[in-house]
Amino acid sequence: MRSGTMPTRALILAQGNQGIKVYKEADGYPEEVVPLLLAVTDLFREEQGFWDPERFMAQVLIGLGLKDRLSRGPGKGMAPPSPVLGYALTTGWRWVDYIYFVRDDYTLEIYQPGEGWGEGIGLDEGEAWQKGCQRVAFACLEDKECRKFYKTWKTLLATPLRSGEGEERQRKTLLH
């Protein structure tokens, strides 16, 4: 997590279903979100074979919860770790620092809202939310650290999670 006192909040949207969004209330900056989001997107494309925004958003939420649980581990943060703390499914538009938009061709776009963003946006206004946003360039797979996290999360999400001692060994293996 970056140092500072304010959390970095984010919304994750999928083309074809912008009515439901995943809200991430902390650690929403690209270095944290993009590797996992790319891993979820790649696995979804490989396994699903066609675009289904509702199922995709469910996989995003599962991936974020799993990442939280394994990153925190026993004895860190709250006890027992909650895989859903810090996330919400929302139909509204919240003020955030970043918006991640996954298109139906599996491409990822990143935006930062500007001054006055979000005023008067309705639930079914297509991509009207982009008005007042600035597109952010972030080439995750060209960044060595980001590429490492992407590969780790793609492996993790494709691997069945073990419980008990197996989960702790798996956490240590994948995160260290």
Protein backbone atom coordinates (compact mmCIF):
# COMPACT_ATOMS: atom_id res chain seq x y z
CA MET A 1 0.00 0.00 0.00
CA ARG A 2 1.23 3.48 -0.75
CA SER A 3 2.00 5.65 2.22
CA GLY A 4 -0.37 8.47 3.06
CA THR A 5 -3.49 9.05 5.05
CA MET A 6 -6.23 8.90 2.43
CA PRO A 7 -7.33 5.65 0.78
CA THR A 8 -7.18 5.39 -3.00
CA ARG A 9 -10.71 4.42 -4.06
CA ALA A 10 -11.70 2.86 -7.37
CA LEU A 11 -14.65 1.64 -9.43
CA ILE A 12 -14.43 -1.32 -11.77
CA LEU A 13 -16.90 -1.45 -14.66
CA ALA A 14 -17.61 -3.94 -17.42
CA GLN A 15 -18.95 -2.91 -20.82
CA GLY A 16 -22.52 -4.03 -21.27
CA ASN A 17 -23.33 -3.73 -17.56
CA GLN A 18 -22.30 -0.35 -16.20
CA GLY A 19 -25.34 -0.44 -13.89
CA ILE A 20 -23.42 -2.69 -11.46
CA LYS A 21 -19.92 -1.70 -10.43
CA VAL A 22 -17.33 -3.06 -8.01
CA TYR A 23 -16.25 -0.38 -5.53
CA LYS A 24 -12.80 -0.77 -3.97
CA GLU A 25 -12.39 1.57 -1.03
CA ALA A 26 -8.60 1.38 -0.62
CA ASP A 27 -5.48 0.51 -2.63
CA GLY A 28 -7.23 1.35 -5.90
CA TYR A 29 -4.13 2.67 -7.67
CA PRO A 30 -3.04 0.98 -10.93
CA GLU A 31 0.02 -0.81 -9.50
CA GLU A 32 -2.32 -2.64 -7.12
CA VAL A 33 -5.41 -3.23 -9.29
CA VAL A 34 -4.14 -3.74 -12.84
CA PRO A 35 -2.12 -6.97 -12.36
CA LEU A 36 -5.06 -8.74 -10.72
CA LEU A 37 -7.61 -7.29 -13.14
CA LEU A 38 -5.53 -8.39 -16.16
CA ALA A 39 -5.17 -11.89 -14.67
CA VAL A 40 -8.94 -12.17 -14.09
CA THR A 41 -9.63 -10.84 -17.60
CA ASP A 42 -7.21 -13.28 -19.27
CA LEU A 43 -8.52 -16.30 -17.36
CA PHE A 44 -12.13 -15.29 -18.00
CA ARG A 45 -11.47 -14.97 -21.76
CA GLU A 46 -9.70 -18.36 -21.83
CA GLU A 47 -12.34 -20.20 -19.79
CA GLN A 48 -15.60 -18.46 -20.74
CA GLY A 49 -15.00 -18.00 -24.45
CA PHE A 50 -17.55 -15.19 -24.82
CA TRP A 51 -18.21 -11.85 -23.09
CA ASP A 52 -20.63 -12.04 -20.17
CA PRO A 53 -20.32 -8.84 -18.07
CA GLU A 54 -22.28 -10.16 -15.07
CA ARG A 55 -20.12 -13.28 -14.72
CA PHE A 56 -17.00 -11.23 -15.36
CA MET A 57 -17.83 -8.83 -12.51
CA ALA A 58 -18.46 -11.79 -10.19
CA GLN A 59 -14.97 -13.11 -11.03
CA VAL A 60 -13.45 -9.69 -10.35
CA LEU A 61 -15.03 -9.59 -6.90
CA ILE A 62 -13.90 -13.15 -6.15
CA GLY A 63 -10.35 -12.30 -7.28
CA LEU A 64 -10.20 -9.16 -5.13
CA GLY A 65 -11.51 -11.01 -2.08
CA LEU A 66 -9.06 -13.86 -2.57
CA LYS A 67 -6.18 -11.44 -3.00
CA ASP A 68 -7.18 -9.66 0.20
CA ARG A 69 -7.44 -12.89 2.14
CA LEU A 70 -4.10 -14.29 0.99
CA SER A 71 -2.27 -10.97 1.25
CA ARG A 72 -3.41 -10.40 4.80
CA GLY A 73 -2.87 -13.94 6.06
CA PRO A 74 -3.28 -15.17 9.63
CA GLY A 75 -2.42 -12.64 12.30
CA LYS A 76 -2.39 -9.66 9.94
CA GLY A 77 -5.13 -7.07 10.06
CA MET A 78 -8.41 -8.32 11.42
CA ALA A 79 -8.88 -11.88 12.66
CA PRO A 80 -10.16 -13.91 10.94
CA PRO A 81 -9.44 -12.30 7.57
CA SER A 82 -12.55 -11.26 5.66
CA PRO A 83 -12.42 -11.75 1.89
CA VAL A 84 -14.97 -8.98 1.28
CA LEU A 85 -13.91 -6.12 3.55
CA GLY A 86 -13.26 -2.99 1.54
CA TYR A 87 -15.39 -3.93 -1.48
CA ALA A 88 -18.98 -3.37 -2.49
CA LEU A 89 -21.26 -3.95 -5.41
CA THR A 90 -22.89 -0.64 -6.18
CA THR A 91 -25.35 0.79 -8.66
CA GLY A 92 -24.42 4.37 -7.80
CA TRP A 93 -21.54 6.55 -8.82
CA ARG A 94 -19.15 7.21 -5.95
CA TRP A 95 -16.32 9.69 -5.95
CA VAL A 96 -13.18 7.68 -6.67
CA ASP A 97 -9.57 8.23 -7.64
CA TYR A 98 -9.57 5.69 -10.51
CA ILE A 99 -12.10 4.03 -12.79
CA TYR A 100 -11.17 0.74 -14.47
CA PHE A 101 -13.29 -0.07 -17.52
CA VAL A 102 -13.07 -3.52 -19.16
CA ARG A 103 -14.48 -3.56 -22.68
CA ASP A 104 -16.19 -6.53 -24.31
CA ASP A 105 -13.02 -7.16 -26.36
CA TYR A 106 -11.20 -7.68 -23.00
CA THR A 107 -9.19 -4.46 -23.22
CA LEU A 108 -8.69 -2.43 -20.06
CA GLU A 109 -8.96 1.35 -19.90
CA ILE A 110 -8.03 3.43 -16.85
CA TYR A 111 -9.50 6.84 -16.06
CA GLN A 112 -9.10 9.50 -13.40
CA PRO A 113 -12.18 11.64 -12.69
CA GLY A 114 -11.74 15.41 -12.82
CA GLU A 115 -13.36 18.32 -11.01
CA GLY A 116 -17.17 18.04 -10.90
CA TRP A 117 -17.13 14.52 -12.29
CA GLY A 118 -20.19 12.38 -11.72
CA GLU A 119 -22.79 15.12 -11.45
CA GLY A 120 -26.02 14.00 -13.08
CA ILE A 121 -24.81 10.61 -14.30
CA GLY A 122 -27.72 8.18 -14.58
CA LEU A 123 -27.55 4.40 -14.24
CA ASP A 124 -28.15 3.62 -17.89
CA GLU A 125 -26.34 6.42 -19.66
CA GLY A 126 -23.87 4.24 -21.52
CA GLU A 127 -20.43 5.74 -21.27
CA ALA A 128 -21.51 9.24 -20.17
CA TRP A 129 -19.43 8.67 -17.04
CA GLN A 130 -16.28 9.22 -19.14
CA LYS A 131 -17.15 12.90 -19.48
CA GLY A 132 -14.83 14.82 -17.18
CA CYS A 133 -12.36 11.92 -16.89
CA GLN A 134 -8.78 11.80 -18.08
CA ARG A 135 -7.48 8.55 -19.56
CA VAL A 136 -4.43 7.17 -17.73
CA ALA A 137 -1.65 5.31 -19.52
CA PHE A 138 -0.32 2.38 -17.52
CA ALA A 139 1.62 -0.35 -19.29
CA CYS A 140 1.57 -3.03 -16.60
CA LEU A 141 3.10 -5.84 -18.62
CA GLU A 142 6.04 -3.59 -19.57
CA ASP A 143 6.79 -2.95 -15.87
CA LYS A 144 8.89 -5.73 -14.30
CA GLU A 145 7.22 -5.61 -10.85
CA CYS A 146 3.71 -5.37 -12.30
CA ARG A 147 4.38 -8.25 -14.71
CA LYS A 148 5.56 -10.37 -11.75
CA PHE A 149 2.33 -9.67 -9.84
CA TYR A 150 0.25 -10.39 -12.95
CA LYS A 151 1.88 -13.82 -13.40
CA THR A 152 1.49 -14.59 -9.68
CA TRP A 153 -2.23 -13.72 -9.68
CA LYS A 154 -2.93 -15.56 -12.91
CA THR A 155 -1.34 -18.68 -11.39
CA LEU A 156 -3.17 -18.19 -8.11
CA LEU A 157 -6.60 -17.66 -9.67
CA ALA A 158 -6.18 -20.75 -11.83
CA THR A 159 -5.19 -22.90 -8.81
CA PRO A 160 -7.80 -24.37 -6.46
CA LEU A 161 -7.45 -22.85 -2.99
CA ARG A 162 -6.60 -25.26 -0.21
CA SER A 163 -7.90 -24.86 3.31
CA GLY A 164 -6.13 -25.01 6.68
CA GLU A 165 -2.37 -25.56 6.64
CA GLY A 166 -2.45 -26.02 2.88
CA GLU A 167 -3.84 -22.52 2.43
CA GLU A 168 -1.06 -21.01 4.55
CA ARG A 169 1.63 -22.89 2.57
CA GLN A 170 0.00 -21.82 -0.68
CA ARG A 171 -0.13 -18.20 0.50
CA LYS A 172 3.57 -18.23 1.41
CA THR A 173 4.55 -19.88 -1.87
CA LEU A 174 2.58 -17.53 -4.09
CA LEU A 175 3.16 -14.25 -2.27
CA HIS A 176 6.84 -14.53 -1.39
